[in-house]
């Protein structure tokens, strides 16, 4: 996995304490989708038609990059308060 991701879009599900992120890998320019579930500490990456759990060694790095991008305002941000995931 390319460790440097330029996040472009965020959807924060406040009720579920989750963050959906879309970005591009800096090396390959491939689009990548992540689902960060804060209350479980899990990070998932979309691959084809399924969500795969990210290796624990990479979770913290993905979280840090996403949070830094959110704080800097580098991506479009949406907030959803009326949703419910079964996670």
N, C-alpha and C. Protein backbone atom coordinates (compact mmCIF):
# COMPACT_ATOMS: atom_id res chain seq x y z
N UNK A 1 0.84 -1.18 0.00
CA UNK A 1 0.00 0.00 0.00
C UNK A 1 0.88 1.24 0.00
N UNK A 2 0.52 2.20 -0.82
CA UNK A 2 1.21 3.49 -0.85
C UNK A 2 0.86 4.22 0.45
N UNK A 3 1.85 4.57 1.23
CA UNK A 3 1.61 5.17 2.54
C UNK A 3 1.21 6.64 2.48
N UNK A 4 1.39 7.32 1.36
CA UNK A 4 1.04 8.73 1.27
C UNK A 4 -0.22 8.89 0.44
N UNK A 5 -1.24 9.39 1.09
CA UNK A 5 -2.55 9.53 0.45
C UNK A 5 -2.96 10.99 0.51
N UNK A 6 -3.44 11.50 -0.60
CA UNK A 6 -3.98 12.87 -0.64
C UNK A 6 -5.49 12.74 -0.54
N UNK A 7 -6.03 12.99 0.65
CA UNK A 7 -7.47 12.88 0.86
C UNK A 7 -8.18 14.07 0.24
N UNK A 8 -9.28 13.79 -0.46
CA UNK A 8 -10.02 14.82 -1.20
C UNK A 8 -11.45 15.01 -0.71
N UNK A 9 -12.05 13.97 -0.13
CA UNK A 9 -13.44 14.05 0.33
C UNK A 9 -13.59 13.32 1.66
N UNK A 10 -14.43 13.89 2.51
CA UNK A 10 -14.73 13.29 3.80
C UNK A 10 -16.23 13.33 4.03
N UNK A 11 -16.76 12.24 4.56
CA UNK A 11 -18.14 12.23 5.05
C UNK A 11 -18.07 11.72 6.47
N UNK A 12 -18.43 12.59 7.41
CA UNK A 12 -18.36 12.22 8.82
C UNK A 12 -19.76 11.86 9.30
N UNK A 13 -19.90 10.64 9.78
CA UNK A 13 -21.16 10.15 10.32
C UNK A 13 -21.09 10.33 11.83
N UNK A 14 -21.59 11.48 12.31
CA UNK A 14 -21.41 11.85 13.71
C UNK A 14 -22.12 10.90 14.66
N UNK A 15 -23.30 10.43 14.33
CA UNK A 15 -24.04 9.53 15.20
C UNK A 15 -23.31 8.20 15.38
N UNK A 16 -22.66 7.74 14.33
CA UNK A 16 -21.98 6.45 14.36
C UNK A 16 -20.49 6.55 14.65
N UNK A 17 -19.97 7.78 14.81
CA UNK A 17 -18.55 8.00 15.10
C UNK A 17 -17.66 7.36 14.04
N UNK A 18 -18.05 7.57 12.76
CA UNK A 18 -17.32 7.00 11.63
C UNK A 18 -16.94 8.11 10.65
N UNK A 19 -15.90 7.86 9.90
CA UNK A 19 -15.44 8.79 8.88
C UNK A 19 -15.17 8.03 7.59
N UNK A 20 -15.84 8.44 6.52
CA UNK A 20 -15.61 7.88 5.19
C UNK A 20 -14.69 8.85 4.47
N UNK A 21 -13.60 8.34 3.90
CA UNK A 21 -12.60 9.20 3.26
C UNK A 21 -12.31 8.69 1.85
N UNK A 22 -12.15 9.63 0.94
CA UNK A 22 -11.75 9.28 -0.43
C UNK A 22 -10.51 10.09 -0.77
N UNK A 23 -9.58 9.45 -1.43
CA UNK A 23 -8.35 10.14 -1.79
C UNK A 23 -7.61 9.43 -2.90
N UNK A 24 -6.39 9.87 -3.13
CA UNK A 24 -5.54 9.26 -4.15
C UNK A 24 -4.19 8.94 -3.54
N UNK A 25 -3.67 7.77 -3.92
CA UNK A 25 -2.32 7.40 -3.51
C UNK A 25 -1.34 8.30 -4.26
N UNK A 26 -0.35 8.80 -3.56
CA UNK A 26 0.56 9.76 -4.20
C UNK A 26 1.41 9.13 -5.30
N UNK A 27 1.82 7.90 -5.14
CA UNK A 27 2.67 7.27 -6.15
C UNK A 27 1.92 6.83 -7.38
N UNK A 28 0.88 6.04 -7.19
CA UNK A 28 0.15 5.45 -8.32
C UNK A 28 -1.00 6.31 -8.82
N UNK A 29 -1.42 7.29 -8.02
CA UNK A 29 -2.57 8.15 -8.33
C UNK A 29 -3.89 7.37 -8.34
N UNK A 30 -3.87 6.16 -7.82
CA UNK A 30 -5.09 5.35 -7.75
C UNK A 30 -6.02 5.89 -6.68
N UNK A 31 -7.31 5.85 -6.96
CA UNK A 31 -8.31 6.28 -5.99
C UNK A 31 -8.39 5.24 -4.89
N UNK A 32 -8.54 5.72 -3.65
CA UNK A 32 -8.68 4.81 -2.52
C UNK A 32 -9.80 5.31 -1.61
N UNK A 33 -10.54 4.38 -1.06
CA UNK A 33 -11.66 4.69 -0.17
C UNK A 33 -11.40 4.03 1.17
N UNK A 34 -11.63 4.79 2.24
CA UNK A 34 -11.41 4.27 3.59
C UNK A 34 -12.64 4.54 4.45
N UNK A 35 -12.88 3.65 5.37
CA UNK A 35 -13.91 3.83 6.39
C UNK A 35 -13.20 3.70 7.73
N UNK A 36 -13.20 4.78 8.50
CA UNK A 36 -12.55 4.80 9.81
C UNK A 36 -13.65 4.77 10.86
N UNK A 37 -13.64 3.73 11.67
CA UNK A 37 -14.64 3.59 12.73
C UNK A 37 -13.95 3.90 14.04
N UNK A 38 -14.21 5.08 14.56
CA UNK A 38 -13.46 5.58 15.71
C UNK A 38 -13.68 4.78 16.98
N UNK A 39 -14.91 4.38 17.26
CA UNK A 39 -15.18 3.72 18.53
C UNK A 39 -14.65 2.28 18.60
N UNK A 40 -14.32 1.67 17.46
CA UNK A 40 -13.72 0.34 17.49
C UNK A 40 -12.22 0.40 17.20
N UNK A 41 -11.77 1.54 16.64
CA UNK A 41 -10.37 1.67 16.28
C UNK A 41 -10.02 1.04 14.94
N UNK A 42 -11.00 0.50 14.24
CA UNK A 42 -10.76 -0.19 12.98
C UNK A 42 -10.75 0.77 11.80
N UNK A 43 -9.92 0.43 10.82
CA UNK A 43 -9.87 1.16 9.55
C UNK A 43 -10.04 0.14 8.44
N UNK A 44 -10.96 0.41 7.52
CA UNK A 44 -11.24 -0.48 6.39
C UNK A 44 -10.90 0.23 5.09
N UNK A 45 -10.48 -0.54 4.12
CA UNK A 45 -10.20 -0.01 2.79
C UNK A 45 -11.07 -0.76 1.79
N UNK A 46 -11.64 -0.03 0.86
CA UNK A 46 -12.48 -0.64 -0.17
C UNK A 46 -11.59 -1.30 -1.20
N UNK A 47 -11.91 -2.56 -1.51
CA UNK A 47 -11.19 -3.29 -2.55
C UNK A 47 -12.23 -4.05 -3.37
N UNK A 48 -12.39 -3.66 -4.62
CA UNK A 48 -13.40 -4.26 -5.52
C UNK A 48 -14.77 -4.13 -4.88
N UNK A 49 -15.37 -5.23 -4.48
CA UNK A 49 -16.73 -5.16 -3.95
C UNK A 49 -16.81 -5.45 -2.45
N UNK A 50 -15.70 -5.29 -1.74
CA UNK A 50 -15.73 -5.56 -0.30
C UNK A 50 -14.84 -4.56 0.45
N UNK A 51 -15.07 -4.49 1.75
CA UNK A 51 -14.26 -3.67 2.65
C UNK A 51 -13.30 -4.60 3.38
N UNK A 52 -12.01 -4.30 3.33
CA UNK A 52 -11.00 -5.10 3.99
C UNK A 52 -10.40 -4.33 5.16
N UNK A 53 -10.17 -5.04 6.27
CA UNK A 53 -9.55 -4.43 7.44
C UNK A 53 -8.10 -4.11 7.10
N UNK A 54 -7.68 -2.90 7.44
CA UNK A 54 -6.30 -2.47 7.22
C UNK A 54 -5.40 -3.14 8.26
N UNK A 55 -4.21 -3.45 7.87
CA UNK A 55 -3.22 -4.01 8.78
C UNK A 55 -3.02 -3.05 9.95
N UNK A 56 -2.99 -3.57 11.18
CA UNK A 56 -2.84 -2.69 12.34
C UNK A 56 -1.62 -1.77 12.27
N UNK A 57 -0.58 -2.20 11.62
CA UNK A 57 0.61 -1.35 11.49
C UNK A 57 0.32 -0.10 10.65
N UNK A 58 -0.65 -0.16 9.75
CA UNK A 58 -0.98 0.97 8.88
C UNK A 58 -2.13 1.82 9.39
N UNK A 59 -2.92 1.29 10.33
CA UNK A 59 -4.12 2.01 10.80
C UNK A 59 -3.79 3.40 11.34
N UNK A 60 -2.82 3.49 12.23
CA UNK A 60 -2.49 4.78 12.84
C UNK A 60 -2.04 5.79 11.80
N UNK A 61 -1.28 5.33 10.82
CA UNK A 61 -0.78 6.23 9.78
C UNK A 61 -1.94 6.77 8.93
N UNK A 62 -2.87 5.91 8.56
CA UNK A 62 -4.04 6.34 7.78
C UNK A 62 -4.87 7.33 8.57
N UNK A 63 -5.11 7.03 9.85
CA UNK A 63 -5.87 7.95 10.71
C UNK A 63 -5.19 9.32 10.79
N UNK A 64 -3.87 9.32 11.00
CA UNK A 64 -3.13 10.58 11.12
C UNK A 64 -3.21 11.40 9.84
N UNK A 65 -3.07 10.73 8.69
CA UNK A 65 -3.16 11.46 7.42
C UNK A 65 -4.56 12.03 7.20
N UNK A 66 -5.58 11.25 7.53
CA UNK A 66 -6.95 11.72 7.35
C UNK A 66 -7.24 12.91 8.28
N UNK A 67 -6.85 12.80 9.54
CA UNK A 67 -7.09 13.90 10.48
C UNK A 67 -6.33 15.16 10.10
N UNK A 68 -5.09 15.00 9.64
CA UNK A 68 -4.30 16.17 9.21
C UNK A 68 -4.96 16.84 8.01
N UNK A 69 -5.45 16.06 7.08
CA UNK A 69 -6.11 16.62 5.89
C UNK A 69 -7.41 17.33 6.29
N UNK A 70 -8.16 16.73 7.21
CA UNK A 70 -9.40 17.39 7.69
C UNK A 70 -9.08 18.72 8.35
N UNK A 71 -8.09 18.72 9.23
CA UNK A 71 -7.73 19.96 9.95
C UNK A 71 -7.26 21.05 9.00
N UNK A 72 -6.54 20.66 7.96
CA UNK A 72 -6.00 21.66 7.03
C UNK A 72 -7.05 22.16 6.03
N UNK A 73 -8.20 21.48 5.99
CA UNK A 73 -9.25 21.87 5.06
C UNK A 73 -8.93 21.53 3.63
N UNK A 74 -8.09 20.51 3.42
CA UNK A 74 -7.65 20.18 2.06
C UNK A 74 -8.67 19.38 1.26
N UNK A 75 -9.74 18.95 1.89
CA UNK A 75 -10.75 18.18 1.16
C UNK A 75 -12.15 18.69 1.45
N UNK A 76 -13.08 18.33 0.61
CA UNK A 76 -14.48 18.68 0.81
C UNK A 76 -14.99 17.85 1.98
N UNK A 77 -15.71 18.51 2.91
CA UNK A 77 -16.20 17.80 4.09
C UNK A 77 -17.72 17.89 4.19
N UNK A 78 -18.33 16.74 4.47
CA UNK A 78 -19.77 16.64 4.69
C UNK A 78 -19.99 16.02 6.06
N UNK A 79 -21.08 16.38 6.70
CA UNK A 79 -21.42 15.82 8.00
C UNK A 79 -22.84 15.26 7.94
N UNK A 80 -23.00 14.05 8.43
CA UNK A 80 -24.30 13.38 8.44
C UNK A 80 -24.58 13.01 9.89
N UNK A 81 -25.73 13.42 10.41
CA UNK A 81 -26.04 13.10 11.80
C UNK A 81 -27.13 12.05 11.94
N UNK A 82 -27.90 11.82 10.90
CA UNK A 82 -29.00 10.85 11.00
C UNK A 82 -28.73 9.63 10.16
N UNK A 83 -27.91 8.76 10.67
CA UNK A 83 -27.59 7.53 9.97
C UNK A 83 -27.38 6.44 11.01
N UNK A 84 -27.27 5.23 10.56
CA UNK A 84 -26.97 4.15 11.48
C UNK A 84 -26.33 3.00 10.72
N UNK A 85 -25.10 2.69 11.12
CA UNK A 85 -24.38 1.54 10.57
C UNK A 85 -24.49 0.40 11.57
N UNK A 86 -24.42 -0.78 11.07
CA UNK A 86 -24.28 -1.95 11.94
C UNK A 86 -22.83 -2.38 11.87
N UNK A 87 -22.00 -1.80 12.71
CA UNK A 87 -20.57 -2.12 12.69
C UNK A 87 -20.09 -2.66 13.99
